[in-house]
Amino acid sequence: KERREAQEKRERVREQNELLLIQGVGAAIALGEALTPE
């Protein structure tokens, strides 16, 4: 049970980190586009 909980916690942390990375990249792209005349 402890092993499964630890594994699930690692998976959640990994997914959260991936989501933050995607959001950060998306925000950077959006901000870059927002600076263009187009």
PDB file of all heavy atoms in Angstrom:
ATOM      1  N   LYS A   1       0.830  -1.198   0.000  1.00  0.00           N
ATOM      2  CA  LYS A   1       0.000   0.000   0.000  1.00  0.00           C
ATOM      3  C   LYS A   1       0.869   1.255   0.000  1.00  0.00           C
ATOM      4  O   LYS A   1       0.608   2.212  -0.755  1.00  0.00           O
ATOM      5  CB  LYS A   1      -0.908   0.003   1.224  1.00  0.00           C
ATOM      6  CG  LYS A   1      -1.849   1.201   1.277  1.00  0.00           C
ATOM      7  CD  LYS A   1      -2.733   1.144   2.513  1.00  0.00           C
ATOM      8  CE  LYS A   1      -3.637   2.357   2.587  1.00  0.00           C
ATOM      9  NZ  LYS A   1      -4.477   2.346   3.802  1.00  0.00           N
ATOM     10  N   GLU A   2       1.923   1.259   0.821  1.00  0.00           N
ATOM     11  CA  GLU A   2       2.837   2.400   0.873  1.00  0.00           C
ATOM     12  C   GLU A   2       3.542   2.584  -0.468  1.00  0.00           C
ATOM     13  O   GLU A   2       3.728   3.712  -0.936  1.00  0.00           O
ATOM     14  CB  GLU A   2       3.864   2.192   1.984  1.00  0.00           C
ATOM     15  CG  GLU A   2       3.275   2.291   3.390  1.00  0.00           C
ATOM     16  CD  GLU A   2       4.308   2.006   4.464  1.00  0.00           C
ATOM     17  OE1 GLU A   2       5.482   1.730   4.099  1.00  0.00           O
ATOM     18  OE2 GLU A   2       3.960   2.049   5.660  1.00  0.00           O
ATOM     19  N   ARG A   3       3.917   1.447  -1.092  1.00  0.00           N
ATOM     20  CA  ARG A   3       4.592   1.521  -2.389  1.00  0.00           C
ATOM     21  C   ARG A   3       3.669   2.119  -3.450  1.00  0.00           C
ATOM     22  O   ARG A   3       4.076   2.981  -4.232  1.00  0.00           O
ATOM     23  CB  ARG A   3       5.044   0.128  -2.817  1.00  0.00           C
ATOM     24  CG  ARG A   3       5.911   0.115  -4.077  1.00  0.00           C
ATOM     25  CD  ARG A   3       6.097  -1.280  -4.605  1.00  0.00           C
ATOM     26  NE  ARG A   3       4.843  -1.822  -5.089  1.00  0.00           N
ATOM     27  CZ  ARG A   3       4.295  -1.490  -6.266  1.00  0.00           C
ATOM     28  NH1 ARG A   3       4.902  -0.618  -7.064  1.00  0.00           N
ATOM     29  NH2 ARG A   3       3.161  -2.024  -6.646  1.00  0.00           N
ATOM     30  N   ARG A   4       2.391   1.656  -3.460  1.00  0.00           N
ATOM     31  CA  ARG A   4       1.432   2.177  -4.431  1.00  0.00           C
ATOM     32  C   ARG A   4       1.166   3.663  -4.204  1.00  0.00           C
ATOM     33  O   ARG A   4       1.095   4.442  -5.152  1.00  0.00           O
ATOM     34  CB  ARG A   4       0.115   1.402  -4.341  1.00  0.00           C
ATOM     35  CG  ARG A   4       0.171  -0.008  -4.913  1.00  0.00           C
ATOM     36  CD  ARG A   4      -1.243  -0.515  -5.191  1.00  0.00           C
ATOM     37  NE  ARG A   4      -2.096  -0.412  -4.011  1.00  0.00           N
ATOM     38  CZ  ARG A   4      -2.251  -1.380  -3.109  1.00  0.00           C
ATOM     39  NH1 ARG A   4      -1.587  -2.535  -3.251  1.00  0.00           N
ATOM     40  NH2 ARG A   4      -3.054  -1.221  -2.081  1.00  0.00           N
ATOM     41  N   GLU A   5       1.012   4.051  -2.952  1.00  0.00           N
ATOM     42  CA  GLU A   5       0.756   5.454  -2.646  1.00  0.00           C
ATOM     43  C   GLU A   5       1.922   6.334  -3.051  1.00  0.00           C
ATOM     44  O   GLU A   5       1.741   7.430  -3.579  1.00  0.00           O
ATOM     45  CB  GLU A   5       0.457   5.611  -1.157  1.00  0.00           C
ATOM     46  CG  GLU A   5      -0.901   5.037  -0.740  1.00  0.00           C
ATOM     47  CD  GLU A   5      -1.135   5.146   0.752  1.00  0.00           C
ATOM     48  OE1 GLU A   5      -0.165   5.457   1.487  1.00  0.00           O
ATOM     49  OE2 GLU A   5      -2.282   4.921   1.195  1.00  0.00           O
ATOM     50  N   ALA A   6       3.146   5.826  -2.805  1.00  0.00           N
ATOM     51  CA  ALA A   6       4.336   6.585  -3.197  1.00  0.00           C
ATOM     52  C   ALA A   6       4.423   6.710  -4.714  1.00  0.00           C
ATOM     53  O   ALA A   6       4.754   7.781  -5.244  1.00  0.00           O
ATOM     54  CB  ALA A   6       5.590   5.903  -2.653  1.00  0.00           C
ATOM     55  N   GLN A   7       4.082   5.609  -5.420  1.00  0.00           N
ATOM     56  CA  GLN A   7       4.108   5.634  -6.876  1.00  0.00           C
ATOM     57  C   GLN A   7       3.064   6.596  -7.424  1.00  0.00           C
ATOM     58  O   GLN A   7       3.329   7.370  -8.357  1.00  0.00           O
ATOM     59  CB  GLN A   7       3.849   4.219  -7.425  1.00  0.00           C
ATOM     60  CG  GLN A   7       3.825   4.118  -8.939  1.00  0.00           C
ATOM     61  CD  GLN A   7       5.165   4.440  -9.570  1.00  0.00           C
ATOM     62  OE1 GLN A   7       6.193   4.307  -8.911  1.00  0.00           O
ATOM     63  NE2 GLN A   7       5.168   4.874 -10.816  1.00  0.00           N
ATOM     64  N   GLU A   8       1.850   6.562  -6.834  1.00  0.00           N
ATOM     65  CA  GLU A   8       0.788   7.471  -7.261  1.00  0.00           C
ATOM     66  C   GLU A   8       1.177   8.924  -7.007  1.00  0.00           C
ATOM     67  O   GLU A   8       0.896   9.806  -7.825  1.00  0.00           O
ATOM     68  CB  GLU A   8      -0.507   7.137  -6.521  1.00  0.00           C
ATOM     69  CG  GLU A   8      -1.130   5.814  -6.957  1.00  0.00           C
ATOM     70  CD  GLU A   8      -2.303   5.423  -6.094  1.00  0.00           C
ATOM     71  OE1 GLU A   8      -2.605   6.161  -5.122  1.00  0.00           O
ATOM     72  OE2 GLU A   8      -2.914   4.376  -6.357  1.00  0.00           O
ATOM     73  N   LYS A   9       1.843   9.167  -5.885  1.00  0.00           N
ATOM     74  CA  LYS A   9       2.281  10.526  -5.568  1.00  0.00           C
ATOM     75  C   LYS A   9       3.317  11.006  -6.577  1.00  0.00           C
ATOM     76  O   LYS A   9       3.262  12.152  -7.052  1.00  0.00           O
ATOM     77  CB  LYS A   9       2.865  10.579  -4.160  1.00  0.00           C
ATOM     78  CG  LYS A   9       3.263  11.969  -3.715  1.00  0.00           C
ATOM     79  CD  LYS A   9       3.758  11.980  -2.287  1.00  0.00           C
ATOM     80  CE  LYS A   9       4.136  13.395  -1.849  1.00  0.00           C
ATOM     81  NZ  LYS A   9       4.633  13.419  -0.446  1.00  0.00           N
ATOM     82  N   ARG A  10       4.253  10.110  -6.936  1.00  0.00           N
ATOM     83  CA  ARG A  10       5.260  10.476  -7.938  1.00  0.00           C
ATOM     84  C   ARG A  10       4.605  10.773  -9.285  1.00  0.00           C
ATOM     85  O   ARG A  10       4.996  11.707  -9.985  1.00  0.00           O
ATOM     86  CB  ARG A  10       6.296   9.353  -8.076  1.00  0.00           C
ATOM     87  CG  ARG A  10       7.266   9.245  -6.906  1.00  0.00           C
ATOM     88  CD  ARG A  10       8.453   8.351  -7.257  1.00  0.00           C
ATOM     89  NE  ARG A  10       8.036   6.978  -7.489  1.00  0.00           N
ATOM     90  CZ  ARG A  10       7.966   6.042  -6.544  1.00  0.00           C
ATOM     91  NH1 ARG A  10       8.266   6.363  -5.286  1.00  0.00           N
ATOM     92  NH2 ARG A  10       7.590   4.818  -6.836  1.00  0.00           N
ATOM     93  N   GLU A  11       3.577   9.962  -9.643  1.00  0.00           N
ATOM     94  CA  GLU A  11       2.881  10.172 -10.907  1.00  0.00           C
ATOM     95  C   GLU A  11       2.154  11.511 -10.919  1.00  0.00           C
ATOM     96  O   GLU A  11       2.172  12.229 -11.920  1.00  0.00           O
ATOM     97  CB  GLU A  11       1.881   9.037 -11.151  1.00  0.00           C
ATOM     98  CG  GLU A  11       2.517   7.721 -11.555  1.00  0.00           C
ATOM     99  CD  GLU A  11       3.227   7.823 -12.889  1.00  0.00           C
ATOM    100  OE1 GLU A  11       2.686   8.473 -13.801  1.00  0.00           O
ATOM    101  OE2 GLU A  11       4.325   7.270 -13.018  1.00  0.00           O
ATOM    102  N   ARG A  12       1.509  11.849  -9.789  1.00  0.00           N
ATOM    103  CA  ARG A  12       0.801  13.127  -9.708  1.00  0.00           C
ATOM    104  C   ARG A  12       1.764  14.301  -9.824  1.00  0.00           C
ATOM    105  O   ARG A  12       1.488  15.285 -10.516  1.00  0.00           O
ATOM    106  CB  ARG A  12       0.024  13.219  -8.390  1.00  0.00           C
ATOM    107  CG  ARG A  12      -1.225  12.362  -8.338  1.00  0.00           C
ATOM    108  CD  ARG A  12      -2.130  12.791  -7.191  1.00  0.00           C
ATOM    109  NE  ARG A  12      -1.493  12.655  -5.901  1.00  0.00           N
ATOM    110  CZ  ARG A  12      -1.518  11.561  -5.158  1.00  0.00           C
ATOM    111  NH1 ARG A  12      -2.160  10.485  -5.597  1.00  0.00           N
ATOM    112  NH2 ARG A  12      -0.927  11.523  -3.981  1.00  0.00           N
ATOM    113  N   VAL A  13       2.898  14.179  -9.147  1.00  0.00           N
ATOM    114  CA  VAL A  13       3.903  15.243  -9.208  1.00  0.00           C
ATOM    115  C   VAL A  13       4.430  15.391 -10.633  1.00  0.00           C
ATOM    116  O   VAL A  13       4.589  16.509 -11.141  1.00  0.00           O
ATOM    117  CB  VAL A  13       5.055  14.960  -8.230  1.00  0.00           C
ATOM    118  CG1 VAL A  13       6.204  15.946  -8.452  1.00  0.00           C
ATOM    119  CG2 VAL A  13       4.567  15.055  -6.788  1.00  0.00           C
ATOM    120  N   ARG A  14       4.677  14.237 -11.288  1.00  0.00           N
ATOM    121  CA  ARG A  14       5.176  14.277 -12.669  1.00  0.00           C
ATOM    122  C   ARG A  14       4.148  14.930 -13.591  1.00  0.00           C
ATOM    123  O   ARG A  14       4.502  15.767 -14.430  1.00  0.00           O
ATOM    124  CB  ARG A  14       5.479  12.855 -13.152  1.00  0.00           C
ATOM    125  CG  ARG A  14       6.034  12.797 -14.570  1.00  0.00           C
ATOM    126  CD  ARG A  14       6.261  11.363 -15.008  1.00  0.00           C
ATOM    127  NE  ARG A  14       5.032  10.603 -15.044  1.00  0.00           N
ATOM    128  CZ  ARG A  14       4.122  10.682 -16.023  1.00  0.00           C
ATOM    129  NH1 ARG A  14       4.344  11.497 -17.063  1.00  0.00           N
ATOM    130  NH2 ARG A  14       3.035   9.962 -15.991  1.00  0.00           N
ATOM    131  N   GLU A  15       2.870  14.546 -13.451  1.00  0.00           N
ATOM    132  CA  GLU A  15       1.822  15.119 -14.287  1.00  0.00           C
ATOM    133  C   GLU A  15       1.674  16.619 -14.043  1.00  0.00           C
ATOM    134  O   GLU A  15       1.479  17.395 -14.981  1.00  0.00           O
ATOM    135  CB  GLU A  15       0.494  14.406 -14.012  1.00  0.00           C
ATOM    136  CG  GLU A  15       0.463  12.967 -14.508  1.00  0.00           C
ATOM    137  CD  GLU A  15      -0.783  12.231 -14.071  1.00  0.00           C
ATOM    138  OE1 GLU A  15      -1.617  12.840 -13.359  1.00  0.00           O
ATOM    139  OE2 GLU A  15      -0.934  11.048 -14.423  1.00  0.00           O
ATOM    140  N   GLN A  16       1.757  17.022 -12.765  1.00  0.00           N
ATOM    141  CA  GLN A  16       1.663  18.444 -12.442  1.00  0.00           C
ATOM    142  C   GLN A  16       2.827  19.225 -13.051  1.00  0.00           C
ATOM    143  O   GLN A  16       2.642  20.326 -13.579  1.00  0.00           O
ATOM    144  CB  GLN A  16       1.633  18.632 -10.925  1.00  0.00           C
ATOM    145  CG  GLN A  16       0.339  18.154 -10.280  1.00  0.00           C
ATOM    146  CD  GLN A  16       0.399  18.144  -8.768  1.00  0.00           C
ATOM    147  OE1 GLN A  16       1.450  18.382  -8.176  1.00  0.00           O
ATOM    148  NE2 GLN A  16      -0.724  17.868  -8.138  1.00  0.00           N
ATOM    149  N   ASN A  17       4.023  18.628 -12.977  1.00  0.00           N
ATOM    150  CA  ASN A  17       5.187  19.296 -13.559  1.00  0.00           C
ATOM    151  C   ASN A  17       5.056  19.420 -15.072  1.00  0.00           C
ATOM    152  O   ASN A  17       5.408  20.454 -15.661  1.00  0.00           O
ATOM    153  CB  ASN A  17       6.459  18.526 -13.200  1.00  0.00           C
ATOM    154  CG  ASN A  17       6.838  18.658 -11.736  1.00  0.00           C
ATOM    155  OD1 ASN A  17       6.409  19.608 -11.067  1.00  0.00           O
ATOM    156  ND2 ASN A  17       7.610  17.729 -11.221  1.00  0.00           N
ATOM    157  N   GLU A  18       4.543  18.360 -15.706  1.00  0.00           N
ATOM    158  CA  GLU A  18       4.344  18.409 -17.154  1.00  0.00           C
ATOM    159  C   GLU A  18       3.313  19.466 -17.523  1.00  0.00           C
ATOM    160  O   GLU A  18       3.483  20.196 -18.506  1.00  0.00           O
ATOM    161  CB  GLU A  18       3.900  17.037 -17.662  1.00  0.00           C
ATOM    162  CG  GLU A  18       4.999  15.983 -17.641  1.00  0.00           C
ATOM    163  CD  GLU A  18       4.508  14.643 -18.151  1.00  0.00           C
ATOM    164  OE1 GLU A  18       3.287  14.513 -18.389  1.00  0.00           O
ATOM    165  OE2 GLU A  18       5.327  13.727 -18.308  1.00  0.00           O
ATOM    166  N   LEU A  19       2.231  19.522 -16.729  1.00  0.00           N
ATOM    167  CA  LEU A  19       1.191  20.515 -16.992  1.00  0.00           C
ATOM    168  C   LEU A  19       1.732  21.930 -16.837  1.00  0.00           C
ATOM    169  O   LEU A  19       1.443  22.814 -17.654  1.00  0.00           O
ATOM    170  CB  LEU A  19       0.011  20.296 -16.040  1.00  0.00           C
ATOM    171  CG  LEU A  19      -1.176  21.253 -16.189  1.00  0.00           C
ATOM    172  CD1 LEU A  19      -1.753  21.163 -17.598  1.00  0.00           C
ATOM    173  CD2 LEU A  19      -2.242  20.954 -15.157  1.00  0.00           C
ATOM    174  N   LEU A  20       2.520  22.149 -15.789  1.00  0.00           N
ATOM    175  CA  LEU A  20       3.111  23.474 -15.585  1.00  0.00           C
ATOM    176  C   LEU A  20       4.046  23.834 -16.736  1.00  0.00           C
ATOM    177  O   LEU A  20       4.078  24.987 -17.187  1.00  0.00           O
ATOM    178  CB  LEU A  20       3.881  23.505 -14.255  1.00  0.00           C
ATOM    179  CG  LEU A  20       3.024  23.500 -12.985  1.00  0.00           C
ATOM    180  CD1 LEU A  20       3.909  23.336 -11.754  1.00  0.00           C
ATOM    181  CD2 LEU A  20       2.213  24.783 -12.878  1.00  0.00           C
ATOM    182  N   LEU A  21       4.789  22.841 -17.213  1.00  0.00           N
ATOM    183  CA  LEU A  21       5.695  23.079 -18.337  1.00  0.00           C
ATOM    184  C   LEU A  21       4.900  23.450 -19.588  1.00  0.00           C
ATOM    185  O   LEU A  21       5.241  24.423 -20.285  1.00  0.00           O
ATOM    186  CB  LEU A  21       6.533  21.832 -18.602  1.00  0.00           C
ATOM    187  CG  LEU A  21       7.503  21.904 -19.793  1.00  0.00           C
ATOM    188  CD1 LEU A  21       8.519  23.018 -19.581  1.00  0.00           C
ATOM    189  CD2 LEU A  21       8.199  20.560 -19.999  1.00  0.00           C
ATOM    190  N   ILE A  22       3.835  22.693 -19.863  1.00  0.00           N
ATOM    191  CA  ILE A  22       3.001  22.968 -21.038  1.00  0.00           C
ATOM    192  C   ILE A  22       2.368  24.353 -20.927  1.00  0.00           C
ATOM    193  O   ILE A  22       2.350  25.119 -21.895  1.00  0.00           O
ATOM    194  CB  ILE A  22       1.917  21.890 -21.184  1.00  0.00           C
ATOM    195  CG1 ILE A  22       2.568  20.539 -21.538  1.00  0.00           C
ATOM    196  CG2 ILE A  22       0.898  22.280 -22.246  1.00  0.00           C
ATOM    197  CD1 ILE A  22       1.617  19.370 -21.472  1.00  0.00           C
ATOM    198  N   GLN A  23       1.849  24.663 -19.736  1.00  0.00           N
ATOM    199  CA  GLN A  23       1.235  25.964 -19.532  1.00  0.00           C
ATOM    200  C   GLN A  23       2.258  27.091 -19.702  1.00  0.00           C
ATOM    201  O   GLN A  23       1.950  28.135 -20.282  1.00  0.00           O
ATOM    202  CB  GLN A  23       0.601  26.033 -18.146  1.00  0.00           C
ATOM    203  CG  GLN A  23      -0.635  25.162 -17.991  1.00  0.00           C
ATOM    204  CD  GLN A  23      -1.167  25.153 -16.574  1.00  0.00           C
ATOM    205  OE1 GLN A  23      -0.444  25.419 -15.618  1.00  0.00           O
ATOM    206  NE2 GLN A  23      -2.447  24.837 -16.425  1.00  0.00           N
ATOM    207  N   GLY A  24       3.462  26.838 -19.199  1.00  0.00           N
ATOM    208  CA  GLY A  24       4.506  27.853 -19.328  1.00  0.00           C
ATOM    209  C   GLY A  24       4.892  28.087 -20.771  1.00  0.00           C
ATOM    210  O   GLY A  24       5.031  29.236 -21.215  1.00  0.00           O
ATOM    211  N   VAL A  25       5.037  26.991 -21.516  1.00  0.00           N
ATOM    212  CA  VAL A  25       5.383  27.108 -22.936  1.00  0.00           C
ATOM    213  C   VAL A  25       4.245  27.803 -23.691  1.00  0.00           C
ATOM    214  O   VAL A  25       4.478  28.685 -24.524  1.00  0.00           O
ATOM    215  CB  VAL A  25       5.657  25.720 -23.541  1.00  0.00           C
ATOM    216  CG1 VAL A  25       5.802  25.809 -25.054  1.00  0.00           C
ATOM    217  CG2 VAL A  25       6.919  25.120 -22.927  1.00  0.00           C
ATOM    218  N   GLY A  26       2.994  27.390 -23.381  1.00  0.00           N
ATOM    219  CA  GLY A  26       1.843  28.013 -24.032  1.00  0.00           C
ATOM    220  C   GLY A  26       1.759  29.504 -23.749  1.00  0.00           C
ATOM    221  O   GLY A  26       1.480  30.305 -24.646  1.00  0.00           O
ATOM    222  N   ALA A  27       2.009  29.872 -22.482  1.00  0.00           N
ATOM    223  CA  ALA A  27       1.968  31.285 -22.115  1.00  0.00           C
ATOM    224  C   ALA A  27       3.064  32.069 -22.838  1.00  0.00           C
ATOM    225  O   ALA A  27       2.834  33.190 -23.301  1.00  0.00           O
ATOM    226  CB  ALA A  27       2.125  31.432 -20.605  1.00  0.00           C
ATOM    227  N   ALA A  28       4.238  31.450 -22.943  1.00  0.00           N
ATOM    228  CA  ALA A  28       5.345  32.119 -23.617  1.00  0.00           C
ATOM    229  C   ALA A  28       5.021  32.353 -25.095  1.00  0.00           C
ATOM    230  O   ALA A  28       5.269  33.424 -25.649  1.00  0.00           O
ATOM    231  CB  ALA A  28       6.622  31.291 -23.480  1.00  0.00           C
ATOM    232  N   ILE A  29       4.430  31.327 -25.737  1.00  0.00           N
ATOM    233  CA  ILE A  29       4.061  31.457 -27.147  1.00  0.00           C
ATOM    234  C   ILE A  29       2.988  32.529 -27.316  1.00  0.00           C
ATOM    235  O   ILE A  29       3.052  33.372 -28.226  1.00  0.00           O
ATOM    236  CB  ILE A  29       3.565  30.109 -27.701  1.00  0.00           C
ATOM    237  CG1 ILE A  29       4.732  29.106 -27.738  1.00  0.00           C
ATOM    238  CG2 ILE A  29       2.959  30.278 -29.092  1.00  0.00           C
ATOM    239  CD1 ILE A  29       4.314  27.701 -28.103  1.00  0.00           C
ATOM    240  N   ALA A  30       1.970  32.484 -26.422  1.00  0.00           N
ATOM    241  CA  ALA A  30       0.876  33.456 -26.510  1.00  0.00           C
ATOM    242  C   ALA A  30       1.385  34.881 -26.300  1.00  0.00           C
ATOM    243  O   ALA A  30       0.991  35.805 -27.030  1.00  0.00           O
ATOM    244  CB  ALA A  30      -0.198  33.122 -25.474  1.00  0.00           C
ATOM    245  N   LEU A  31       2.264  35.055 -25.324  1.00  0.00           N
ATOM    246  CA  LEU A  31       2.810  36.390 -25.074  1.00  0.00           C
ATOM    247  C   LEU A  31       3.668  36.861 -26.243  1.00  0.00           C
ATOM    248  O   LEU A  31       3.655  38.038 -26.606  1.00  0.00           O
ATOM    249  CB  LEU A  31       3.629  36.384 -23.784  1.00  0.00           C
ATOM    250  CG  LEU A  31       2.809  36.246 -22.491  1.00  0.00           C
ATOM    251  CD1 LEU A  31       3.741  36.039 -21.295  1.00  0.00           C
ATOM    252  CD2 LEU A  31       1.919  37.461 -22.270  1.00  0.00           C
ATOM    253  N   GLY A  32       4.394  35.896 -26.828  1.00  0.00           N
ATOM    254  CA  GLY A  32       5.201  36.253 -28.003  1.00  0.00           C
ATOM    255  C   GLY A  32       4.331  36.698 -29.157  1.00  0.00           C
ATOM    256  O   GLY A  32       4.635  37.684 -29.841  1.00  0.00           O
ATOM    257  N   GLU A  33       3.221  35.977 -29.385  1.00  0.00           N
ATOM    258  CA  GLU A  33       2.307  36.363 -30.458  1.00  0.00           C
ATOM    259  C   GLU A  33       1.649  37.712 -30.162  1.00  0.00           C
ATOM    260  O   GLU A  33       1.412  38.510 -31.072  1.00  0.00           O
ATOM    261  CB  GLU A  33       1.233  35.288 -30.630  1.00  0.00           C
ATOM    262  CG  GLU A  33       1.755  33.983 -31.227  1.00  0.00           C
ATOM    263  CD  GLU A  33       0.649  32.972 -31.425  1.00  0.00           C
ATOM    264  OE1 GLU A  33      -0.491  33.236 -30.965  1.00  0.00           O
ATOM    265  OE2 GLU A  33       0.904  31.923 -32.033  1.00  0.00           O
ATOM    266  N   ALA A  34       1.336  37.941 -28.886  1.00  0.00           N
ATOM    267  CA  ALA A  34       0.656  39.182 -28.507  1.00  0.00           C
ATOM    268  C   ALA A  34       1.522  40.415 -28.757  1.00  0.00           C
ATOM    269  O   ALA A  34       0.996  41.532 -28.837  1.00  0.00           O
ATOM    270  CB  ALA A  34       0.247  39.126 -27.039  1.00  0.00           C
ATOM    271  N   LEU A  35       2.815  40.210 -28.889  1.00  0.00           N
ATOM    272  CA  LEU A  35       3.722  41.334 -29.125  1.00  0.00           C
ATOM    273  C   LEU A  35       3.835  41.692 -30.604  1.00  0.00           C
ATOM    274  O   LEU A  35       4.442  42.704 -30.947  1.00  0.00           O
ATOM    275  CB  LEU A  35       5.120  41.001 -28.574  1.00  0.00           C
ATOM    276  CG  LEU A  35       5.226  40.830 -27.055  1.00  0.00           C
ATOM    277  CD1 LEU A  35       6.623  40.340 -26.670  1.00  0.00           C
ATOM    278  CD2 LEU A  35       4.911  42.145 -26.340  1.00  0.00           C
ATOM    279  N   THR A  36       3.237  40.868 -31.461  1.00  0.00           N
ATOM    280  CA  THR A  36       3.380  41.102 -32.905  1.00  0.00           C
ATOM    281  C   THR A  36       2.302  42.044 -33.437  1.00  0.00           C
ATOM    282  O   THR A  36       1.184  42.092 -32.914  1.00  0.00           O
ATOM    283  CB  THR A  36       3.299  39.776 -33.673  1.00  0.00           C
ATOM    284  OG1 THR A  36       1.989  39.212 -33.473  1.00  0.00           O
ATOM    285  CG2 THR A  36       4.343  38.785 -33.176  1.00  0.00           C
ATOM    286  N   PRO A  37       2.584  42.781 -34.485  1.00  0.00           N
ATOM    287  CA  PRO A  37       1.571  43.653 -35.117  1.00  0.00           C
ATOM    288  C   PRO A  37       0.391  42.847 -35.661  1.00  0.00           C
ATOM    289  O   PRO A  37      -0.742  43.328 -35.670  1.00  0.00           O
ATOM    290  CB  PRO A  37       2.341  44.335 -36.244  1.00  0.00           C
ATOM    291  CG  PRO A  37       3.786  44.221 -35.865  1.00  0.00           C
ATOM    292  CD  PRO A  37       3.913  42.935 -35.113  1.00  0.00           C
ATOM    293  N   GLU A  38       0.669  41.616 -36.115  1.00  0.00           N
ATOM    294  CA  GLU A  38      -0.393  40.769 -36.666  1.00  0.00           C
ATOM    295  C   GLU A  38      -1.446  40.445 -35.600  1.00  0.00           C
ATOM    296  O   GLU A  38      -2.647  40.440 -35.880  1.00  0.00           O
ATOM    297  CB  GLU A  38       0.191  39.467 -37.225  1.00  0.00           C
ATOM    298  CG  GLU A  38       1.062  39.632 -38.459  1.00  0.00           C
ATOM    299  CD  GLU A  38       2.485  40.065 -38.124  1.00  0.00           C
ATOM    300  OE1 GLU A  38       2.817  40.155 -36.920  1.00  0.00           O
ATOM    301  OE2 GLU A  38       3.256  40.304 -39.071  1.00  0.00           O
TER     302      GLU A  38
END
